[in-house]
Amino acid sequence: YPEIMAYMAKGVELFGGLLLLFGLFTKFASLALVINMLVATFYAMRGDIFGDYQAELSLVYMLIALTIFLCKPTIYSLDNVLFKRERKLEIA
């Protein structure tokens, strides 16, 4: 059972990262990465985020994926090109 979970985690990291890179299905990919990094941080690393740099790194990756999940896709994403959503470039 742990071997299957390890392959699933690596698949989420590989394909989720590629989807985020191209801006395709960013909400789903970033949510899967958030869940994956939460498990990595608090289960595999036992929540020791200040003692081990690997746990800190997985926490940072989780926060980046959470930020991407909470933000709107831009006009440069592949989602916008494929699904022809009407978006304007917003400058804050």
C-alpha atoms as a PDB file:
ATOM      1  CA  TYR A   1       0.000   0.000   0.000  1.00  0.00           C
ATOM      2  CA  PRO A   2       2.761   2.591   0.711  1.00  0.00           C
ATOM      3  CA  GLU A   3       4.337   1.854  -2.667  1.00  0.00           C
ATOM      4  CA  ILE A   4       1.095   2.718  -4.447  1.00  0.00           C
ATOM      5  CA  MET A   5       0.789   5.963  -2.502  1.00  0.00           C
ATOM      6  CA  ALA A   6       4.376   6.873  -3.364  1.00  0.00           C
ATOM      7  CA  TYR A   7       3.690   6.400  -7.084  1.00  0.00           C
ATOM      8  CA  MET A   8       0.501   8.438  -6.782  1.00  0.00           C
ATOM      9  CA  ALA A   9       2.349  11.258  -5.013  1.00  0.00           C
ATOM     10  CA  LYS A  10       5.075  11.325  -7.643  1.00  0.00           C
ATOM     11  CA  GLY A  11       2.449  11.312 -10.385  1.00  0.00           C
ATOM     12  CA  VAL A  12       0.673  14.278  -8.819  1.00  0.00           C
ATOM     13  CA  GLU A  13       3.967  16.132  -8.481  1.00  0.00           C
ATOM     14  CA  LEU A  14       4.998  15.414 -12.079  1.00  0.00           C
ATOM     15  CA  PHE A  15       1.719  15.917 -13.911  1.00  0.00           C
ATOM     16  CA  GLY A  16       0.431  18.620 -11.563  1.00  0.00           C
ATOM     17  CA  GLY A  17       3.647  20.554 -12.042  1.00  0.00           C
ATOM     18  CA  LEU A  18       3.420  20.201 -15.812  1.00  0.00           C
ATOM     19  CA  LEU A  19      -0.205  21.339 -15.794  1.00  0.00           C
ATOM     20  CA  LEU A  20       0.734  24.372 -13.712  1.00  0.00           C
ATOM     21  CA  LEU A  21       3.660  25.115 -16.006  1.00  0.00           C
ATOM     22  CA  PHE A  22       1.381  25.280 -19.025  1.00  0.00           C
ATOM     23  CA  GLY A  23      -1.524  26.907 -17.187  1.00  0.00           C
ATOM     24  CA  LEU A  24      -3.918  24.071 -17.917  1.00  0.00           C
ATOM     25  CA  PHE A  25      -6.507  23.056 -15.282  1.00  0.00           C
ATOM     26  CA  THR A  26      -4.656  25.149 -12.712  1.00  0.00           C
ATOM     27  CA  LYS A  27      -7.332  24.904 -10.019  1.00  0.00           C
ATOM     28  CA  PHE A  28      -7.387  21.110 -10.049  1.00  0.00           C
ATOM     29  CA  ALA A  29      -3.625  20.725 -10.357  1.00  0.00           C
ATOM     30  CA  SER A  30      -2.844  23.180  -7.582  1.00  0.00           C
ATOM     31  CA  LEU A  31      -5.440  21.636  -5.258  1.00  0.00           C
ATOM     32  CA  ALA A  32      -3.932  18.188  -5.821  1.00  0.00           C
ATOM     33  CA  LEU A  33      -0.478  19.613  -5.084  1.00  0.00           C
ATOM     34  CA  VAL A  34      -1.725  21.314  -1.912  1.00  0.00           C
ATOM     35  CA  ILE A  35      -3.119  18.022  -0.624  1.00  0.00           C
ATOM     36  CA  ASN A  36       0.042  16.179  -1.637  1.00  0.00           C
ATOM     37  CA  MET A  37       2.316  18.685   0.113  1.00  0.00           C
ATOM     38  CA  LEU A  38       0.124  18.705   3.231  1.00  0.00           C
ATOM     39  CA  VAL A  39       0.534  14.957   3.488  1.00  0.00           C
ATOM     40  CA  ALA A  40       4.259  15.255   2.824  1.00  0.00           C
ATOM     41  CA  THR A  41       4.716  17.951   5.451  1.00  0.00           C
ATOM     42  CA  PHE A  42       2.573  16.677   8.279  1.00  0.00           C
ATOM     43  CA  TYR A  43       2.607  12.931   7.764  1.00  0.00           C
ATOM     44  CA  ALA A  44       5.857  11.989   6.087  1.00  0.00           C
ATOM     45  CA  MET A  45       7.924  14.715   7.787  1.00  0.00           C
ATOM     46  CA  ARG A  46       5.894  14.379  11.014  1.00  0.00           C
ATOM     47  CA  GLY A  47       5.173  18.118  11.126  1.00  0.00           C
ATOM     48  CA  ASP A  48       8.724  19.072  12.084  1.00  0.00           C
ATOM     49  CA  ILE A  49       8.779  22.121   9.828  1.00  0.00           C
ATOM     50  CA  PHE A  50      11.523  23.966  11.708  1.00  0.00           C
ATOM     51  CA  GLY A  51      13.924  21.099  12.256  1.00  0.00           C
ATOM     52  CA  ASP A  52      14.376  19.652   8.790  1.00  0.00           C
ATOM     53  CA  TYR A  53      14.848  21.642   5.590  1.00  0.00           C
ATOM     54  CA  GLN A  54      12.892  19.041   3.576  1.00  0.00           C
ATOM     55  CA  ALA A  55       9.786  19.696   5.656  1.00  0.00           C
ATOM     56  CA  GLU A  56      10.247  23.446   5.252  1.00  0.00           C
ATOM     57  CA  LEU A  57      10.604  23.009   1.508  1.00  0.00           C
ATOM     58  CA  SER A  58       7.437  20.938   1.206  1.00  0.00           C
ATOM     59  CA  LEU A  59       5.596  23.564   3.280  1.00  0.00           C
ATOM     60  CA  VAL A  60       6.801  26.307   0.938  1.00  0.00           C
ATOM     61  CA  TYR A  61       5.675  24.288  -2.088  1.00  0.00           C
ATOM     62  CA  MET A  62       2.285  23.820  -0.439  1.00  0.00           C
ATOM     63  CA  LEU A  63       1.950  27.565   0.156  1.00  0.00           C
ATOM     64  CA  ILE A  64       2.893  28.323  -3.456  1.00  0.00           C
ATOM     65  CA  ALA A  65       0.312  25.843  -4.743  1.00  0.00           C
ATOM     66  CA  LEU A  66      -2.286  27.318  -2.372  1.00  0.00           C
ATOM     67  CA  THR A  67      -1.545  30.809  -3.703  1.00  0.00           C
ATOM     68  CA  ILE A  68      -1.986  29.594  -7.276  1.00  0.00           C
ATOM     69  CA  PHE A  69      -5.242  27.897  -6.278  1.00  0.00           C
ATOM     70  CA  LEU A  70      -6.621  31.109  -4.781  1.00  0.00           C
ATOM     71  CA  CYS A  71      -5.641  33.355  -7.715  1.00  0.00           C
ATOM     72  CA  LYS A  72      -7.542  33.771 -10.956  1.00  0.00           C
ATOM     73  CA  PRO A  73      -6.016  32.468 -14.185  1.00  0.00           C
ATOM     74  CA  THR A  74      -4.594  35.150 -16.441  1.00  0.00           C
ATOM     75  CA  ILE A  75      -4.925  35.815 -20.149  1.00  0.00           C
ATOM     76  CA  TYR A  76      -1.623  34.023 -20.709  1.00  0.00           C
ATOM     77  CA  SER A  77      -2.779  30.643 -19.415  1.00  0.00           C
ATOM     78  CA  LEU A  78      -3.476  27.734 -21.730  1.00  0.00           C
ATOM     79  CA  ASP A  79      -6.956  27.479 -20.195  1.00  0.00           C
ATOM     80  CA  ASN A  80      -7.728  30.880 -21.638  1.00  0.00           C
ATOM     81  CA  VAL A  81      -6.519  29.886 -25.101  1.00  0.00           C
ATOM     82  CA  LEU A  82      -8.345  26.548 -25.207  1.00  0.00           C
ATOM     83  CA  PHE A  83     -11.625  27.549 -23.606  1.00  0.00           C
ATOM     84  CA  LYS A  84     -11.790  31.126 -24.982  1.00  0.00           C
ATOM     85  CA  ARG A  85     -12.653  32.771 -21.708  1.00  0.00           C
ATOM     86  CA  GLU A  86     -12.971  36.513 -21.861  1.00  0.00           C
ATOM     87  CA  ARG A  87     -10.354  37.865 -19.483  1.00  0.00           C
ATOM     88  CA  LYS A  88      -8.670  41.210 -19.239  1.00  0.00           C
ATOM     89  CA  LEU A  89      -5.185  41.811 -17.953  1.00  0.00           C
ATOM     90  CA  GLU A  90      -5.564  43.280 -14.488  1.00  0.00           C
ATOM     91  CA  ILE A  91      -2.850  45.557 -13.206  1.00  0.00           C
ATOM     92  CA  ALA A  92      -3.043  46.322  -9.529  1.00  0.00           C
END
